Amino acid sequence: MGKIDDTIPDIGFIPALVLTIVFGIALQLAGNWILMLIAGALGALFVRRIRKAFLVGFLGVGLAWSILFVYLSMTTQAMAVANIFIGLLGLEGLGIIVIVISVLIGAMLGGFGGMLGRALYELIDEFLPSDSEGVEAPPPKPETPDNEEEVA
């Protein structure tokens, strides 16, 4: 068995972001907000840098929660509930602030989950044996076209 980074490809920022959004929506529908750490960590599997892992988790979970809040605002009375909560602070009609703060908290959970996941993957990779038995592979030699002869 190879290392985690050898097994799972680096697919790039945008595809990893889309996967994190899907993970965030699916895990949020499970009903537990703390699972956003896991959504961020799953998104971090597909990037190799810790900064990208934070951004993938932060933006992915933030967009996932935004999509869910837009859906809930259109189909249920989410804004009415948000206005009740903000009314407890004496601010009437500013229920959107509750939703924005909720999205920011979820995004931070996803970002920190991405950082934690990337750090754990790198730590685990240190202890996993590699397929190359610790020997560094030589760089590939450039190919020469068939019509050129190598001069000895």
C-alpha atoms as a PDB file:
ATOM      1  CA  MET A   1       0.000   0.000   0.000  1.00  0.00           C
ATOM      2  CA  GLY A   2       1.282   3.432  -0.910  1.00  0.00           C
ATOM      3  CA  LYS A   3       1.015   6.713   0.845  1.00  0.00           C
ATOM      4  CA  ILE A   4      -2.242   8.661   0.993  1.00  0.00           C
ATOM      5  CA  ASP A   5      -0.979  11.349  -1.390  1.00  0.00           C
ATOM      6  CA  ASP A   6       0.160   8.670  -3.852  1.00  0.00           C
ATOM      7  CA  THR A   7      -3.220   6.913  -3.734  1.00  0.00           C
ATOM      8  CA  ILE A   8      -5.555   9.918  -3.994  1.00  0.00           C
ATOM      9  CA  PRO A   9      -4.804  12.283  -6.890  1.00  0.00           C
ATOM     10  CA  ASP A  10      -4.455  16.049  -6.652  1.00  0.00           C
ATOM     11  CA  ILE A  11      -7.500  17.045  -8.708  1.00  0.00           C
ATOM     12  CA  GLY A  12      -7.104  20.789  -8.384  1.00  0.00           C
ATOM     13  CA  PHE A  13      -8.832  23.557  -6.476  1.00  0.00           C
ATOM     14  CA  ILE A  14     -12.187  23.869  -8.280  1.00  0.00           C
ATOM     15  CA  PRO A  15     -13.050  20.123  -8.392  1.00  0.00           C
ATOM     16  CA  ALA A  16     -12.013  19.790  -4.734  1.00  0.00           C
ATOM     17  CA  LEU A  17     -14.247  22.767  -3.924  1.00  0.00           C
ATOM     18  CA  VAL A  18     -17.212  21.166  -5.686  1.00  0.00           C
ATOM     19  CA  LEU A  19     -16.639  17.905  -3.799  1.00  0.00           C
ATOM     20  CA  THR A  20     -16.456  19.795  -0.507  1.00  0.00           C
ATOM     21  CA  ILE A  21     -19.752  21.529  -1.265  1.00  0.00           C
ATOM     22  CA  VAL A  22     -21.358  18.135  -1.931  1.00  0.00           C
ATOM     23  CA  PHE A  23     -19.837  16.680   1.265  1.00  0.00           C
ATOM     24  CA  GLY A  24     -20.986  19.745   3.230  1.00  0.00           C
ATOM     25  CA  ILE A  25     -24.584  19.529   2.010  1.00  0.00           C
ATOM     26  CA  ALA A  26     -24.767  15.770   2.577  1.00  0.00           C
ATOM     27  CA  LEU A  27     -23.313  15.944   6.076  1.00  0.00           C
ATOM     28  CA  GLN A  28     -25.445  18.952   7.023  1.00  0.00           C
ATOM     29  CA  LEU A  29     -28.560  17.026   6.040  1.00  0.00           C
ATOM     30  CA  ALA A  30     -27.461  14.423   8.592  1.00  0.00           C
ATOM     31  CA  GLY A  31     -28.404  17.060  11.170  1.00  0.00           C
ATOM     32  CA  ASN A  32     -25.129  17.581  13.040  1.00  0.00           C
ATOM     33  CA  TRP A  33     -23.227  20.812  12.443  1.00  0.00           C
ATOM     34  CA  ILE A  34     -19.952  19.473  13.852  1.00  0.00           C
ATOM     35  CA  LEU A  35     -19.682  17.185  10.812  1.00  0.00           C
ATOM     36  CA  MET A  36     -18.516  20.245   8.862  1.00  0.00           C
ATOM     37  CA  LEU A  37     -15.038  19.512  10.214  1.00  0.00           C
ATOM     38  CA  ILE A  38     -15.225  16.168   8.410  1.00  0.00           C
ATOM     39  CA  ALA A  39     -16.512  17.814   5.220  1.00  0.00           C
ATOM     40  CA  GLY A  40     -13.502  20.146   5.220  1.00  0.00           C
ATOM     41  CA  ALA A  41     -11.121  17.264   5.933  1.00  0.00           C
ATOM     42  CA  LEU A  42     -12.584  15.203   3.082  1.00  0.00           C
ATOM     43  CA  GLY A  43     -12.111  18.120   0.709  1.00  0.00           C
ATOM     44  CA  ALA A  44      -8.494  18.462   1.860  1.00  0.00           C
ATOM     45  CA  LEU A  45      -7.794  14.949   0.559  1.00  0.00           C
ATOM     46  CA  PHE A  46      -7.733  16.305  -2.986  1.00  0.00           C
ATOM     47  CA  VAL A  47      -5.292  19.216  -2.552  1.00  0.00           C
ATOM     48  CA  ARG A  48      -1.666  19.118  -1.431  1.00  0.00           C
ATOM     49  CA  ARG A  49      -1.065  22.452   0.296  1.00  0.00           C
ATOM     50  CA  ILE A  50      -2.418  23.439   3.690  1.00  0.00           C
ATOM     51  CA  ARG A  51      -3.484  26.912   2.453  1.00  0.00           C
ATOM     52  CA  LYS A  52      -5.506  25.367  -0.343  1.00  0.00           C
ATOM     53  CA  ALA A  53      -6.960  22.878   2.158  1.00  0.00           C
ATOM     54  CA  PHE A  54      -8.173  25.748   4.353  1.00  0.00           C
ATOM     55  CA  LEU A  55      -9.646  27.601   1.364  1.00  0.00           C
ATOM     56  CA  VAL A  56     -11.342  24.480   0.003  1.00  0.00           C
ATOM     57  CA  GLY A  57     -12.887  23.749   3.407  1.00  0.00           C
ATOM     58  CA  PHE A  58     -13.830  27.377   4.125  1.00  0.00           C
ATOM     59  CA  LEU A  59     -15.367  28.154   0.750  1.00  0.00           C
ATOM     60  CA  GLY A  60     -16.883  24.690   0.273  1.00  0.00           C
ATOM     61  CA  VAL A  61     -18.725  24.565   3.584  1.00  0.00           C
ATOM     62  CA  GLY A  62     -19.599  28.274   3.393  1.00  0.00           C
ATOM     63  CA  LEU A  63     -21.188  27.802  -0.030  1.00  0.00           C
ATOM     64  CA  ALA A  64     -22.901  24.593   1.099  1.00  0.00           C
ATOM     65  CA  TRP A  65     -24.495  26.368   4.054  1.00  0.00           C
ATOM     66  CA  SER A  66     -25.426  29.336   1.852  1.00  0.00           C
ATOM     67  CA  ILE A  67     -27.183  27.001  -0.581  1.00  0.00           C
ATOM     68  CA  LEU A  68     -29.060  25.350   2.278  1.00  0.00           C
ATOM     69  CA  PHE A  69     -30.078  28.685   3.836  1.00  0.00           C
ATOM     70  CA  VAL A  70     -31.318  29.991   0.484  1.00  0.00           C
ATOM     71  CA  TYR A  71     -33.349  26.811   0.040  1.00  0.00           C
ATOM     72  CA  LEU A  72     -34.752  27.042   3.579  1.00  0.00           C
ATOM     73  CA  SER A  73     -35.572  30.731   3.158  1.00  0.00           C
ATOM     74  CA  MET A  74     -37.530  29.987  -0.008  1.00  0.00           C
ATOM     75  CA  THR A  75     -39.402  26.907   1.247  1.00  0.00           C
ATOM     76  CA  THR A  76     -39.852  27.441   4.981  1.00  0.00           C
ATOM     77  CA  GLN A  77     -39.979  30.285   7.425  1.00  0.00           C
ATOM     78  CA  ALA A  78     -36.252  30.487   8.095  1.00  0.00           C
ATOM     79  CA  MET A  79     -36.240  34.287   7.901  1.00  0.00           C
ATOM     80  CA  ALA A  80     -39.060  34.486  10.458  1.00  0.00           C
ATOM     81  CA  VAL A  81     -37.060  32.340  12.881  1.00  0.00           C
ATOM     82  CA  ALA A  82     -33.931  34.406  12.230  1.00  0.00           C
ATOM     83  CA  ASN A  83     -35.888  37.599  12.926  1.00  0.00           C
ATOM     84  CA  ILE A  84     -37.078  36.125  16.243  1.00  0.00           C
ATOM     85  CA  PHE A  85     -33.500  35.397  17.300  1.00  0.00           C
ATOM     86  CA  ILE A  86     -32.164  38.805  16.278  1.00  0.00           C
ATOM     87  CA  GLY A  87     -35.193  40.389  17.989  1.00  0.00           C
ATOM     88  CA  LEU A  88     -33.909  38.984  21.276  1.00  0.00           C
ATOM     89  CA  LEU A  89     -30.970  41.363  20.907  1.00  0.00           C
ATOM     90  CA  GLY A  90     -33.273  44.307  20.248  1.00  0.00           C
ATOM     91  CA  LEU A  91     -32.549  44.504  16.529  1.00  0.00           C
ATOM     92  CA  GLU A  92     -35.755  44.241  14.549  1.00  0.00           C
ATOM     93  CA  GLY A  93     -35.836  43.185  10.908  1.00  0.00           C
ATOM     94  CA  LEU A  94     -32.171  42.212  10.645  1.00  0.00           C
ATOM     95  CA  GLY A  95     -32.616  38.433  10.548  1.00  0.00           C
ATOM     96  CA  ILE A  96     -30.148  38.156   7.702  1.00  0.00           C
ATOM     97  CA  ILE A  97     -27.376  38.873  10.238  1.00  0.00           C
ATOM     98  CA  VAL A  98     -28.162  35.586  12.005  1.00  0.00           C
ATOM     99  CA  ILE A  99     -27.864  33.714   8.724  1.00  0.00           C
ATOM    100  CA  VAL A 100     -24.597  35.456   7.755  1.00  0.00           C
ATOM    101  CA  ILE A 101     -23.070  34.683  11.163  1.00  0.00           C
ATOM    102  CA  SER A 102     -24.200  31.055  10.855  1.00  0.00           C
ATOM    103  CA  VAL A 103     -22.625  30.738   7.404  1.00  0.00           C
ATOM    104  CA  LEU A 104     -19.366  32.270   8.686  1.00  0.00           C
ATOM    105  CA  ILE A 105     -19.272  29.840  11.623  1.00  0.00           C
ATOM    106  CA  GLY A 106     -19.858  26.915   9.277  1.00  0.00           C
ATOM    107  CA  ALA A 107     -17.199  28.192   6.874  1.00  0.00           C
ATOM    108  CA  MET A 108     -14.673  28.502   9.699  1.00  0.00           C
ATOM    109  CA  LEU A 109     -15.474  24.944  10.797  1.00  0.00           C
ATOM    110  CA  GLY A 110     -14.888  23.731   7.242  1.00  0.00           C
ATOM    111  CA  GLY A 111     -11.646  25.687   6.915  1.00  0.00           C
ATOM    112  CA  PHE A 112     -10.232  24.410  10.180  1.00  0.00           C
ATOM    113  CA  GLY A 113     -11.394  20.909   9.284  1.00  0.00           C
ATOM    114  CA  GLY A 114      -9.502  21.209   6.008  1.00  0.00           C
ATOM    115  CA  MET A 115      -6.334  22.326   7.788  1.00  0.00           C
ATOM    116  CA  LEU A 116      -6.661  19.581  10.392  1.00  0.00           C
ATOM    117  CA  GLY A 117      -7.320  16.967   7.724  1.00  0.00           C
ATOM    118  CA  ARG A 118      -4.335  18.022   5.600  1.00  0.00           C
ATOM    119  CA  ALA A 119      -2.044  18.006   8.658  1.00  0.00           C
ATOM    120  CA  LEU A 120      -3.283  14.543   9.649  1.00  0.00           C
ATOM    121  CA  TYR A 121      -2.772  13.183   6.133  1.00  0.00           C
ATOM    122  CA  GLU A 122       0.800  14.457   6.109  1.00  0.00           C
ATOM    123  CA  LEU A 123       1.442  13.005   9.579  1.00  0.00           C
ATOM    124  CA  ILE A 124       0.040   9.618   8.610  1.00  0.00           C
ATOM    125  CA  ASP A 125       2.052   9.670   5.370  1.00  0.00           C
ATOM    126  CA  GLU A 126       5.234   9.959   7.427  1.00  0.00           C
ATOM    127  CA  PHE A 127       4.538   6.590   9.053  1.00  0.00           C
ATOM    128  CA  LEU A 128       3.247   4.694   6.017  1.00  0.00           C
ATOM    129  CA  PRO A 129       5.765   2.697   4.020  1.00  0.00           C
ATOM    130  CA  SER A 130       6.182   3.818   0.456  1.00  0.00           C
ATOM    131  CA  ASP A 131       6.276   1.570  -2.604  1.00  0.00           C
ATOM    132  CA  SER A 132       9.770   2.817  -3.433  1.00  0.00           C
ATOM    133  CA  GLU A 133      11.271   1.344  -0.218  1.00  0.00           C
ATOM    134  CA  GLY A 134      12.716   4.731   0.763  1.00  0.00           C
ATOM    135  CA  VAL A 135      14.810   4.987  -2.418  1.00  0.00           C
ATOM    136  CA  GLU A 136      14.266   8.163  -4.353  1.00  0.00           C
ATOM    137  CA  ALA A 137      13.407   7.473  -7.979  1.00  0.00           C
ATOM    138  CA  PRO A 138      15.667   9.144 -10.558  1.00  0.00           C
ATOM    139  CA  PRO A 139      14.081  11.897 -12.655  1.00  0.00           C
ATOM    140  CA  PRO A 140      12.780  10.738 -16.025  1.00  0.00           C
ATOM    141  CA  LYS A 141      15.088  11.233 -18.991  1.00  0.00           C
ATOM    142  CA  PRO A 142      13.809  13.454 -21.787  1.00  0.00           C
ATOM    143  CA  GLU A 143      12.737  11.534 -24.838  1.00  0.00           C
ATOM    144  CA  THR A 144      14.551  12.118 -28.083  1.00  0.00           C
ATOM    145  CA  PRO A 145      12.672  12.149 -31.354  1.00  0.00           C
ATOM    146  CA  ASP A 146      13.119   9.073 -33.562  1.00  0.00           C
ATOM    147  CA  ASN A 147      14.763  10.996 -36.392  1.00  0.00           C
ATOM    148  CA  GLU A 148      17.672  12.193 -34.236  1.00  0.00           C
ATOM    149  CA  GLU A 149      20.544   9.821 -33.549  1.00  0.00           C
ATOM    150  CA  GLU A 150      22.359  10.005 -30.240  1.00  0.00           C
ATOM    151  CA  VAL A 151      25.998  10.880 -30.759  1.00  0.00           C
ATOM    152  CA  ALA A 152      28.438   8.808 -28.694  1.00  0.00           C
END
